[in-house]
Amino acid sequence: MIDATHKLPLKRQAELLDLSRSNVYYLPRPVSDADLRLMRRIDELHLNFPFAGARMLRDMLKLEGVEVGRKHVRTLMERMGIAAIYRKRNTSAPHPAHPIYRYLLKDLTIDQANQAWASDITYIPMRRGFVYLVAIIDWATRRVLAHRVSISMTPDFCVEALEEAIAKYGAPEIFNTDQGSQFTCDDFTDVLKAHQIKISMDGKGRWIDNVFVERLWKSVKYEHVYLHAYESVAEARQQLTGYFTFYNARRPHSSLGGTTPDTAYFGKLATQSAA
């Protein structure tokens, strides 16, 4: 679909086809089947034991009969964008030239829809290969407001998800992320500033500050991703969209008193409007 020889710039071709520019310029790097299996298992172990570094993961794999060196485990973790919680997540490696904003949610009661949103990126395994997923979630109601799938970790797909969420639901008071370069770059923060949204960022290595998105990743992976082997990027996009529709509209949450994120989100918006 994309023609590098066409007179239209690649950026404009991507816009017309509704594609992220990151997917246009990205050149895939082959990953062996053995490494893909290892990455899938490392991802599972990391979800359950986020404190485990490369050495501990190597030893856990050894106990399962998988012989692999620490350096190779570390290499795969870097490719996946994960790290033990005492280190900064590689999906969220800060850019030295980007400003870092202070954390605004400490000791703040967040109980209204659109009071605070949060976002993060995670690794999603497929049958052959992998993609990255970004989601934007309403903090108080757990509702997923927008998401995007990408084959690379450039900021484009994060900006697209942010713009979609604001276009559909308006602007929140506060937007919280980690210190990842995708979220600290001008392309992303300029959108927040244009809508007068306060920018909040987790402390370095403080994954717990964005805990509701971390819980979302555990739900989406155990309830859907690990049960389905996506054959293509297109299928991953389609299937994840279906899961988030279920997650918002039909999946009850104990933290919401057994209601769904849709019920909590739109109910709280109605309460705010009435007030």
C-alpha atoms as a PDB file:
ATOM      1  CA  MET A   1       0.000   0.000   0.000  1.00  0.00           C
ATOM      2  CA  ILE A   2       2.833   2.400   0.815  1.00  0.00           C
ATOM      3  CA  ASP A   3       4.814   3.384  -2.291  1.00  0.00           C
ATOM      4  CA  ALA A   4       8.172   5.004  -1.595  1.00  0.00           C
ATOM      5  CA  THR A   5       8.412   6.127  -5.243  1.00  0.00           C
ATOM      6  CA  HIS A   6       5.056   7.941  -5.240  1.00  0.00           C
ATOM      7  CA  LYS A   7       5.031  11.736  -5.457  1.00  0.00           C
ATOM      8  CA  LEU A   8       3.052  11.939  -2.195  1.00  0.00           C
ATOM      9  CA  PRO A   9       5.311  12.068   0.889  1.00  0.00           C
ATOM     10  CA  LEU A  10       5.326   8.928   3.040  1.00  0.00           C
ATOM     11  CA  LYS A  11       3.822  10.924   5.906  1.00  0.00           C
ATOM     12  CA  ARG A  12       0.809  11.883   3.773  1.00  0.00           C
ATOM     13  CA  GLN A  13       0.416   8.318   2.461  1.00  0.00           C
ATOM     14  CA  ALA A  14       0.359   7.043   6.049  1.00  0.00           C
ATOM     15  CA  GLU A  15      -2.305   9.628   6.987  1.00  0.00           C
ATOM     16  CA  LEU A  16      -4.521   8.657   4.040  1.00  0.00           C
ATOM     17  CA  LEU A  17      -4.241   4.966   4.951  1.00  0.00           C
ATOM     18  CA  ASP A  18      -4.758   5.677   8.667  1.00  0.00           C
ATOM     19  CA  LEU A  19      -1.383   4.123   9.498  1.00  0.00           C
ATOM     20  CA  SER A  20       1.096   5.147  12.154  1.00  0.00           C
ATOM     21  CA  ARG A  21       4.263   6.568  10.643  1.00  0.00           C
ATOM     22  CA  SER A  22       6.266   4.298  12.944  1.00  0.00           C
ATOM     23  CA  ASN A  23       4.898   1.323  11.005  1.00  0.00           C
ATOM     24  CA  VAL A  24       5.909   2.873   7.690  1.00  0.00           C
ATOM     25  CA  TYR A  25       9.560   3.497   8.492  1.00  0.00           C
ATOM     26  CA  TYR A  26      10.167   0.443  10.663  1.00  0.00           C
ATOM     27  CA  LEU A  27      12.264  -2.398   9.264  1.00  0.00           C
ATOM     28  CA  PRO A  28      11.474  -5.662  11.099  1.00  0.00           C
ATOM     29  CA  ARG A  29      14.303  -7.622  12.662  1.00  0.00           C
ATOM     30  CA  PRO A  30      13.907 -11.390  12.519  1.00  0.00           C
ATOM     31  CA  VAL A  31      13.606 -13.202  15.837  1.00  0.00           C
ATOM     32  CA  SER A  32      14.138 -16.960  16.077  1.00  0.00           C
ATOM     33  CA  ASP A  33      11.315 -19.265  17.137  1.00  0.00           C
ATOM     34  CA  ALA A  34      13.341 -20.286  20.195  1.00  0.00           C
ATOM     35  CA  ASP A  35      13.753 -16.665  21.270  1.00  0.00           C
ATOM     36  CA  LEU A  36      10.059 -15.953  20.711  1.00  0.00           C
ATOM     37  CA  ARG A  37       9.181 -18.836  23.034  1.00  0.00           C
ATOM     38  CA  LEU A  38      11.655 -17.546  25.607  1.00  0.00           C
ATOM     39  CA  MET A  39      10.275 -14.020  25.360  1.00  0.00           C
ATOM     40  CA  ARG A  40       6.736 -15.286  25.896  1.00  0.00           C
ATOM     41  CA  ARG A  41       7.785 -17.145  29.057  1.00  0.00           C
ATOM     42  CA  ILE A  42       9.883 -14.230  30.340  1.00  0.00           C
ATOM     43  CA  ASP A  43       6.864 -11.977  29.878  1.00  0.00           C
ATOM     44  CA  GLU A  44       4.712 -14.350  31.962  1.00  0.00           C
ATOM     45  CA  LEU A  45       7.328 -14.568  34.712  1.00  0.00           C
ATOM     46  CA  HIS A  46       7.788 -10.792  34.733  1.00  0.00           C
ATOM     47  CA  LEU A  47       4.057 -10.204  35.236  1.00  0.00           C
ATOM     48  CA  ASN A  48       4.070 -12.433  38.316  1.00  0.00           C
ATOM     49  CA  PHE A  49       7.528 -11.546  39.653  1.00  0.00           C
ATOM     50  CA  PRO A  50       8.226  -7.942  38.522  1.00  0.00           C
ATOM     51  CA  PHE A  51      11.140  -7.701  40.962  1.00  0.00           C
ATOM     52  CA  ALA A  52      13.077 -10.451  39.133  1.00  0.00           C
ATOM     53  CA  GLY A  53      16.086  -9.278  37.148  1.00  0.00           C
ATOM     54  CA  ALA A  54      17.970 -11.156  34.432  1.00  0.00           C
ATOM     55  CA  ARG A  55      19.829 -13.395  36.900  1.00  0.00           C
ATOM     56  CA  MET A  56      16.703 -14.466  38.780  1.00  0.00           C
ATOM     57  CA  LEU A  57      14.770 -15.023  35.561  1.00  0.00           C
ATOM     58  CA  ARG A  58      17.642 -17.119  34.240  1.00  0.00           C
ATOM     59  CA  ASP A  59      17.510 -19.257  37.375  1.00  0.00           C
ATOM     60  CA  MET A  60      13.716 -19.561  37.197  1.00  0.00           C
ATOM     61  CA  LEU A  61      13.975 -20.742  33.609  1.00  0.00           C
ATOM     62  CA  LYS A  62      16.695 -23.210  34.596  1.00  0.00           C
ATOM     63  CA  LEU A  63      14.362 -24.717  37.197  1.00  0.00           C
ATOM     64  CA  GLU A  64      11.876 -25.246  34.359  1.00  0.00           C
ATOM     65  CA  GLY A  65      14.522 -27.067  32.318  1.00  0.00           C
ATOM     66  CA  VAL A  66      15.405 -24.124  30.061  1.00  0.00           C
ATOM     67  CA  GLU A  67      19.134 -23.501  29.802  1.00  0.00           C
ATOM     68  CA  VAL A  68      19.867 -19.883  28.885  1.00  0.00           C
ATOM     69  CA  GLY A  69      22.549 -17.396  29.874  1.00  0.00           C
ATOM     70  CA  ARG A  70      21.965 -14.262  31.904  1.00  0.00           C
ATOM     71  CA  LYS A  71      23.217 -11.989  29.132  1.00  0.00           C
ATOM     72  CA  HIS A  72      20.785 -13.508  26.637  1.00  0.00           C
ATOM     73  CA  VAL A  73      17.904 -13.085  29.079  1.00  0.00           C
ATOM     74  CA  ARG A  74      18.897  -9.441  29.530  1.00  0.00           C
ATOM     75  CA  THR A  75      19.057  -8.936  25.753  1.00  0.00           C
ATOM     76  CA  LEU A  76      15.565 -10.355  25.318  1.00  0.00           C
ATOM     77  CA  MET A  77      14.235  -8.238  28.190  1.00  0.00           C
ATOM     78  CA  GLU A  78      15.616  -5.130  26.522  1.00  0.00           C
ATOM     79  CA  ARG A  79      13.981  -6.098  23.228  1.00  0.00           C
ATOM     80  CA  MET A  80      10.671  -6.609  25.029  1.00  0.00           C
ATOM     81  CA  GLY A  81      11.035  -3.378  26.963  1.00  0.00           C
ATOM     82  CA  ILE A  82      10.862  -4.828  30.478  1.00  0.00           C
ATOM     83  CA  ALA A  83      13.122  -4.679  33.517  1.00  0.00           C
ATOM     84  CA  ALA A  84      12.982  -5.481  37.213  1.00  0.00           C
ATOM     85  CA  ILE A  85      11.142  -2.865  39.259  1.00  0.00           C
ATOM     86  CA  TYR A  86      14.306  -1.587  40.925  1.00  0.00           C
ATOM     87  CA  ARG A  87      15.442  -0.393  37.503  1.00  0.00           C
ATOM     88  CA  LYS A  88      13.653   1.848  35.027  1.00  0.00           C
ATOM     89  CA  ARG A  89      11.583  -0.049  32.461  1.00  0.00           C
ATOM     90  CA  ASN A  90      13.244  -0.042  29.066  1.00  0.00           C
ATOM     91  CA  THR A  91       9.929   0.688  27.343  1.00  0.00           C
ATOM     92  CA  SER A  92      10.096   3.844  29.373  1.00  0.00           C
ATOM     93  CA  ALA A  93      13.725   4.858  29.041  1.00  0.00           C
ATOM     94  CA  PRO A  94      13.868   8.642  29.563  1.00  0.00           C
ATOM     95  CA  HIS A  95      15.397  10.820  26.858  1.00  0.00           C
ATOM     96  CA  PRO A  96      18.205  13.007  28.271  1.00  0.00           C
ATOM     97  CA  ALA A  97      16.962  16.060  26.348  1.00  0.00           C
ATOM     98  CA  HIS A  98      13.315  15.744  27.394  1.00  0.00           C
ATOM     99  CA  PRO A  99      11.957  17.512  30.507  1.00  0.00           C
ATOM    100  CA  ILE A 100      10.617  15.389  33.387  1.00  0.00           C
ATOM    101  CA  TYR A 101       7.492  16.550  35.208  1.00  0.00           C
ATOM    102  CA  ARG A 102       6.738  16.019  38.892  1.00  0.00           C
ATOM    103  CA  TYR A 103       4.263  13.409  40.153  1.00  0.00           C
ATOM    104  CA  LEU A 104       0.913  15.099  40.904  1.00  0.00           C
ATOM    105  CA  LEU A 105      -1.198  12.207  42.197  1.00  0.00           C
ATOM    106  CA  LYS A 106       0.389  11.611  45.620  1.00  0.00           C
ATOM    107  CA  ASP A 107      -2.203  11.857  48.413  1.00  0.00           C
ATOM    108  CA  LEU A 108      -4.779  13.062  45.856  1.00  0.00           C
ATOM    109  CA  THR A 109      -8.277  11.557  46.069  1.00  0.00           C
ATOM    110  CA  ILE A 110      -9.238  10.533  42.531  1.00  0.00           C
ATOM    111  CA  ASP A 111     -12.896   9.581  42.424  1.00  0.00           C
ATOM    112  CA  GLN A 112     -14.305  11.343  39.352  1.00  0.00           C
ATOM    113  CA  ALA A 113     -14.248  10.399  35.667  1.00  0.00           C
ATOM    114  CA  ASN A 114     -11.807  12.518  33.635  1.00  0.00           C
ATOM    115  CA  GLN A 115     -10.095  13.735  36.795  1.00  0.00           C
ATOM    116  CA  ALA A 116      -6.933  11.805  35.915  1.00  0.00           C
ATOM    117  CA  TRP A 117      -5.910   9.609  33.003  1.00  0.00           C
ATOM    118  CA  ALA A 118      -2.898   7.309  32.800  1.00  0.00           C
ATOM    119  CA  SER A 119      -0.986   5.566  30.016  1.00  0.00           C
ATOM    120  CA  ASP A 120       1.736   2.976  29.501  1.00  0.00           C
ATOM    121  CA  ILE A 121       3.226   0.653  26.870  1.00  0.00           C
ATOM    122  CA  THR A 122       3.538  -3.141  27.041  1.00  0.00           C
ATOM    123  CA  TYR A 123       4.906  -6.033  24.982  1.00  0.00           C
ATOM    124  CA  ILE A 124       2.377  -8.324  23.253  1.00  0.00           C
ATOM    125  CA  PRO A 125       3.539 -11.732  21.932  1.00  0.00           C
ATOM    126  CA  MET A 126       2.074 -13.183  18.718  1.00  0.00           C
ATOM    127  CA  ARG A 127       2.445 -16.613  17.126  1.00  0.00           C
ATOM    128  CA  ARG A 128       5.433 -15.339  15.175  1.00  0.00           C
ATOM    129  CA  GLY A 129       6.824 -12.017  16.334  1.00  0.00           C
ATOM    130  CA  PHE A 130       5.487  -9.420  18.700  1.00  0.00           C
ATOM    131  CA  VAL A 131       3.983  -5.932  18.861  1.00  0.00           C
ATOM    132  CA  TYR A 132       3.723  -3.118  21.390  1.00  0.00           C
ATOM    133  CA  LEU A 133       0.455  -1.905  22.894  1.00  0.00           C
ATOM    134  CA  VAL A 134      -0.319   1.503  24.407  1.00  0.00           C
ATOM    135  CA  ALA A 135      -3.533   2.183  26.303  1.00  0.00           C
ATOM    136  CA  ILE A 136      -5.057   5.257  27.893  1.00  0.00           C
ATOM    137  CA  ILE A 137      -7.144   4.545  30.993  1.00  0.00           C
ATOM    138  CA  ASP A 138      -9.369   6.679  33.196  1.00  0.00           C
ATOM    139  CA  TRP A 139      -7.878   6.354  36.677  1.00  0.00           C
ATOM    140  CA  ALA A 140     -11.087   6.483  38.750  1.00  0.00           C
ATOM    141  CA  THR A 141     -13.236   4.159  36.625  1.00  0.00           C
ATOM    142  CA  ARG A 142     -10.583   1.905  35.021  1.00  0.00           C
ATOM    143  CA  ARG A 143     -12.167   2.492  31.605  1.00  0.00           C
ATOM    144  CA  VAL A 144      -9.863   2.072  28.581  1.00  0.00           C
ATOM    145  CA  LEU A 145     -10.452   5.225  26.550  1.00  0.00           C
ATOM    146  CA  ALA A 146      -8.169   4.485  23.592  1.00  0.00           C
ATOM    147  CA  HIS A 147      -5.429   2.107  22.536  1.00  0.00           C
ATOM    148  CA  ARG A 148      -3.030   1.549  19.655  1.00  0.00           C
ATOM    149  CA  VAL A 149      -0.846  -1.338  18.474  1.00  0.00           C
ATOM    150  CA  SER A 150       2.547  -0.722  16.852  1.00  0.00           C
ATOM    151  CA  ILE A 151       5.509  -2.739  15.618  1.00  0.00           C
ATOM    152  CA  SER A 152       7.971  -0.172  16.970  1.00  0.00           C
ATOM    153  CA  MET A 153       8.229   2.084  20.013  1.00  0.00           C
ATOM    154  CA  THR A 154       8.364   5.486  18.316  1.00  0.00           C
ATOM    155  CA  PRO A 155       5.994   8.098  19.829  1.00  0.00           C
ATOM    156  CA  ASP A 156       3.524   8.192  16.901  1.00  0.00           C
ATOM    157  CA  PHE A 157       1.137   5.508  18.117  1.00  0.00           C
ATOM    158  CA  CYS A 158       1.048   6.985  21.629  1.00  0.00           C
ATOM    159  CA  VAL A 159       0.161  10.430  20.245  1.00  0.00           C
ATOM    160  CA  GLU A 160      -2.567   8.898  18.065  1.00  0.00           C
ATOM    161  CA  ALA A 161      -4.152   7.152  21.065  1.00  0.00           C
ATOM    162  CA  LEU A 162      -4.017  10.365  23.110  1.00  0.00           C
ATOM    163  CA  GLU A 163      -5.622  12.431  20.364  1.00  0.00           C
ATOM    164  CA  GLU A 164      -8.390   9.847  19.916  1.00  0.00           C
ATOM    165  CA  ALA A 165      -9.176   9.776  23.648  1.00  0.00           C
ATOM    166  CA  ILE A 166      -9.394  13.576  23.872  1.00  0.00           C
ATOM    167  CA  ALA A 167     -11.508  13.803  20.717  1.00  0.00           C
ATOM    168  CA  LYS A 168     -14.000  11.260  22.071  1.00  0.00           C
ATOM    169  CA  TYR A 169     -14.118  12.104  25.775  1.00  0.00           C
ATOM    170  CA  GLY A 170     -12.734  15.591  26.268  1.00  0.00           C
ATOM    171  CA  ALA A 171      -9.665  16.516  28.291  1.00  0.00           C
ATOM    172  CA  PRO A 172      -8.820  15.245  31.780  1.00  0.00           C
ATOM    173  CA  GLU A 173      -7.481  17.486  34.514  1.00  0.00           C
ATOM    174  CA  ILE A 174      -4.272  15.431  34.931  1.00  0.00           C
ATOM    175  CA  PHE A 175      -2.469  12.974  32.664  1.00  0.00           C
ATOM    176  CA  ASN A 176      -0.014  10.572  34.330  1.00  0.00           C
ATOM    177  CA  THR A 177       2.674   8.417  32.662  1.00  0.00           C
ATOM    178  CA  ASP A 178       6.124   7.113  33.459  1.00  0.00           C
ATOM    179  CA  GLN A 179       9.233   8.915  32.236  1.00  0.00           C
ATOM    180  CA  GLY A 180       9.415   7.098  28.908  1.00  0.00           C
ATOM    181  CA  SER A 181      10.712   9.030  25.926  1.00  0.00           C
ATOM    182  CA  GLN A 182       7.438   8.351  24.090  1.00  0.00           C
ATOM    183  CA  PHE A 183       5.608  10.395  26.756  1.00  0.00           C
ATOM    184  CA  THR A 184       8.205  13.104  27.421  1.00  0.00           C
ATOM    185  CA  CYS A 185       8.753  14.061  23.768  1.00  0.00           C
ATOM    186  CA  ASP A 186       7.345  17.336  22.423  1.00  0.00           C
ATOM    187  CA  ASP A 187       4.905  15.567  20.080  1.00  0.00           C
ATOM    188  CA  PHE A 188       3.140  14.044  23.099  1.00  0.00           C
ATOM    189  CA  THR A 189       3.423  16.804  25.692  1.00  0.00           C
ATOM    190  CA  ASP A 190       2.412  19.506  23.185  1.00  0.00           C
ATOM    191  CA  VAL A 191      -0.984  17.808  22.808  1.00  0.00           C
ATOM    192  CA  LEU A 192      -1.438  17.840  26.585  1.00  0.00           C
ATOM    193  CA  LYS A 193      -0.384  21.489  26.841  1.00  0.00           C
ATOM    194  CA  ALA A 194      -2.683  22.504  23.978  1.00  0.00           C
ATOM    195  CA  HIS A 195      -5.637  21.169  25.993  1.00  0.00           C
ATOM    196  CA  GLN A 196      -4.364  22.681  29.276  1.00  0.00           C
ATOM    197  CA  ILE A 197      -3.926  19.236  30.851  1.00  0.00           C
ATOM    198  CA  LYS A 198      -1.607  19.032  33.861  1.00  0.00           C
ATOM    199  CA  ILE A 199       1.304  16.667  33.176  1.00  0.00           C
ATOM    200  CA  SER A 200       2.256  14.153  35.876  1.00  0.00           C
ATOM    201  CA  MET A 201       5.045  11.568  35.725  1.00  0.00           C
ATOM    202  CA  ASP A 202       6.014   8.664  37.973  1.00  0.00           C
ATOM    203  CA  GLY A 203       9.208   8.756  39.957  1.00  0.00           C
ATOM    204  CA  LYS A 204      12.090   6.930  38.299  1.00  0.00           C
ATOM    205  CA  GLY A 205      11.565   3.193  38.596  1.00  0.00           C
ATOM    206  CA  ARG A 206       8.259   3.743  40.451  1.00  0.00           C
ATOM    207  CA  TRP A 207       6.023   1.432  38.402  1.00  0.00           C
ATOM    208  CA  ILE A 208       3.618   1.323  41.373  1.00  0.00           C
ATOM    209  CA  ASP A 209       2.650   4.966  40.685  1.00  0.00           C
ATOM    210  CA  ASN A 210       0.923   3.758  37.506  1.00  0.00           C
ATOM    211  CA  VAL A 211      -0.438   0.620  39.157  1.00  0.00           C
ATOM    212  CA  PHE A 212      -3.871   0.671  37.495  1.00  0.00           C
ATOM    213  CA  VAL A 213      -2.313   0.361  34.037  1.00  0.00           C
ATOM    214  CA  GLU A 214      -0.069  -2.438  35.316  1.00  0.00           C
ATOM    215  CA  ARG A 215      -3.191  -4.286  36.498  1.00  0.00           C
ATOM    216  CA  LEU A 216      -4.771  -3.740  33.082  1.00  0.00           C
ATOM    217  CA  TRP A 217      -1.761  -5.395  31.419  1.00  0.00           C
ATOM    218  CA  LYS A 218      -2.099  -8.435  33.653  1.00  0.00           C
ATOM    219  CA  SER A 219      -5.803  -8.716  32.820  1.00  0.00           C
ATOM    220  CA  VAL A 220      -5.425  -8.328  29.068  1.00  0.00           C
ATOM    221  CA  LYS A 221      -2.575 -10.834  28.888  1.00  0.00           C
ATOM    222  CA  TYR A 222      -4.013 -13.591  31.080  1.00  0.00           C
ATOM    223  CA  GLU A 223      -7.595 -13.164  29.923  1.00  0.00           C
ATOM    224  CA  HIS A 224      -6.878 -12.824  26.217  1.00  0.00           C
ATOM    225  CA  VAL A 225      -3.330 -12.518  24.821  1.00  0.00           C
ATOM    226  CA  TYR A 226      -1.986 -15.769  26.292  1.00  0.00           C
ATOM    227  CA  LEU A 227      -5.131 -17.619  25.197  1.00  0.00           C
ATOM    228  CA  HIS A 228      -4.890 -16.503  21.572  1.00  0.00           C
ATOM    229  CA  ALA A 229      -1.910 -16.764  19.238  1.00  0.00           C
ATOM    230  CA  TYR A 230      -2.318 -13.762  16.956  1.00  0.00           C
ATOM    231  CA  GLU A 231      -1.267 -14.617  13.412  1.00  0.00           C
ATOM    232  CA  SER A 232      -0.670 -11.039  12.243  1.00  0.00           C
ATOM    233  CA  VAL A 233      -0.503  -7.437  13.392  1.00  0.00           C
ATOM    234  CA  ALA A 234      -3.937  -6.856  11.859  1.00  0.00           C
ATOM    235  CA  GLU A 235      -5.397  -9.735  13.882  1.00  0.00           C
ATOM    236  CA  ALA A 236      -3.740  -8.441  17.044  1.00  0.00           C
ATOM    237  CA  ARG A 237      -5.390  -5.043  16.501  1.00  0.00           C
ATOM    238  CA  GLN A 238      -8.779  -6.617  15.845  1.00  0.00           C
ATOM    239  CA  GLN A 239      -8.661  -9.044  18.757  1.00  0.00           C
ATOM    240  CA  LEU A 240      -7.420  -6.474  21.265  1.00  0.00           C
ATOM    241  CA  THR A 241     -10.161  -4.066  20.205  1.00  0.00           C
ATOM    242  CA  GLY A 242     -12.677  -6.832  20.900  1.00  0.00           C
ATOM    243  CA  TYR A 243     -11.171  -7.538  24.309  1.00  0.00           C
ATOM    244  CA  PHE A 244     -11.254  -3.886  25.371  1.00  0.00           C
ATOM    245  CA  THR A 245     -14.911  -3.675  24.321  1.00  0.00           C
ATOM    246  CA  PHE A 246     -15.569  -6.632  26.652  1.00  0.00           C
ATOM    247  CA  TYR A 247     -13.351  -5.150  29.370  1.00  0.00           C
ATOM    248  CA  ASN A 248     -15.231  -1.839  29.368  1.00  0.00           C
ATOM    249  CA  ALA A 249     -18.797  -3.054  28.879  1.00  0.00           C
ATOM    250  CA  ARG A 250     -19.084  -6.533  30.382  1.00  0.00           C
ATOM    251  CA  ARG A 251     -16.196  -7.281  32.779  1.00  0.00           C
ATOM    252  CA  PRO A 252     -17.136  -6.483  36.397  1.00  0.00           C
ATOM    253  CA  HIS A 253     -14.450  -5.061  38.688  1.00  0.00           C
ATOM    254  CA  SER A 254     -14.360  -5.726  42.422  1.00  0.00           C
ATOM    255  CA  SER A 255     -12.740  -2.315  42.948  1.00  0.00           C
ATOM    256  CA  LEU A 256     -15.814  -0.756  41.294  1.00  0.00           C
ATOM    257  CA  GLY A 257     -18.268  -2.636  43.496  1.00  0.00           C
ATOM    258  CA  GLY A 258     -18.875  -5.302  40.869  1.00  0.00           C
ATOM    259  CA  THR A 259     -19.862  -2.845  38.143  1.00  0.00           C
ATOM    260  CA  THR A 260     -18.163  -2.359  34.776  1.00  0.00           C
ATOM    261  CA  PRO A 261     -15.860   0.498  33.748  1.00  0.00           C
ATOM    262  CA  ASP A 262     -18.535   1.758  31.316  1.00  0.00           C
ATOM    263  CA  THR A 263     -21.115   1.939  34.106  1.00  0.00           C
ATOM    264  CA  ALA A 264     -18.677   3.684  36.446  1.00  0.00           C
ATOM    265  CA  TYR A 265     -17.360   6.096  33.814  1.00  0.00           C
ATOM    266  CA  PHE A 266     -20.615   7.249  32.274  1.00  0.00           C
ATOM    267  CA  GLY A 267     -22.404   7.195  35.627  1.00  0.00           C
ATOM    268  CA  LYS A 268     -19.812   9.454  37.183  1.00  0.00           C
ATOM    269  CA  LEU A 269     -19.892  11.769  34.158  1.00  0.00           C
ATOM    270  CA  ALA A 270     -23.678  12.044  34.552  1.00  0.00           C
ATOM    271  CA  THR A 271     -23.257  12.807  38.268  1.00  0.00           C
ATOM    272  CA  GLN A 272     -20.720  15.525  37.486  1.00  0.00           C
ATOM    273  CA  SER A 273     -23.030  17.079  34.880  1.00  0.00           C
ATOM    274  CA  ALA A 274     -25.978  17.068  37.273  1.00  0.00           C
ATOM    275  CA  ALA A 275     -23.872  18.731  39.959  1.00  0.00           C
END
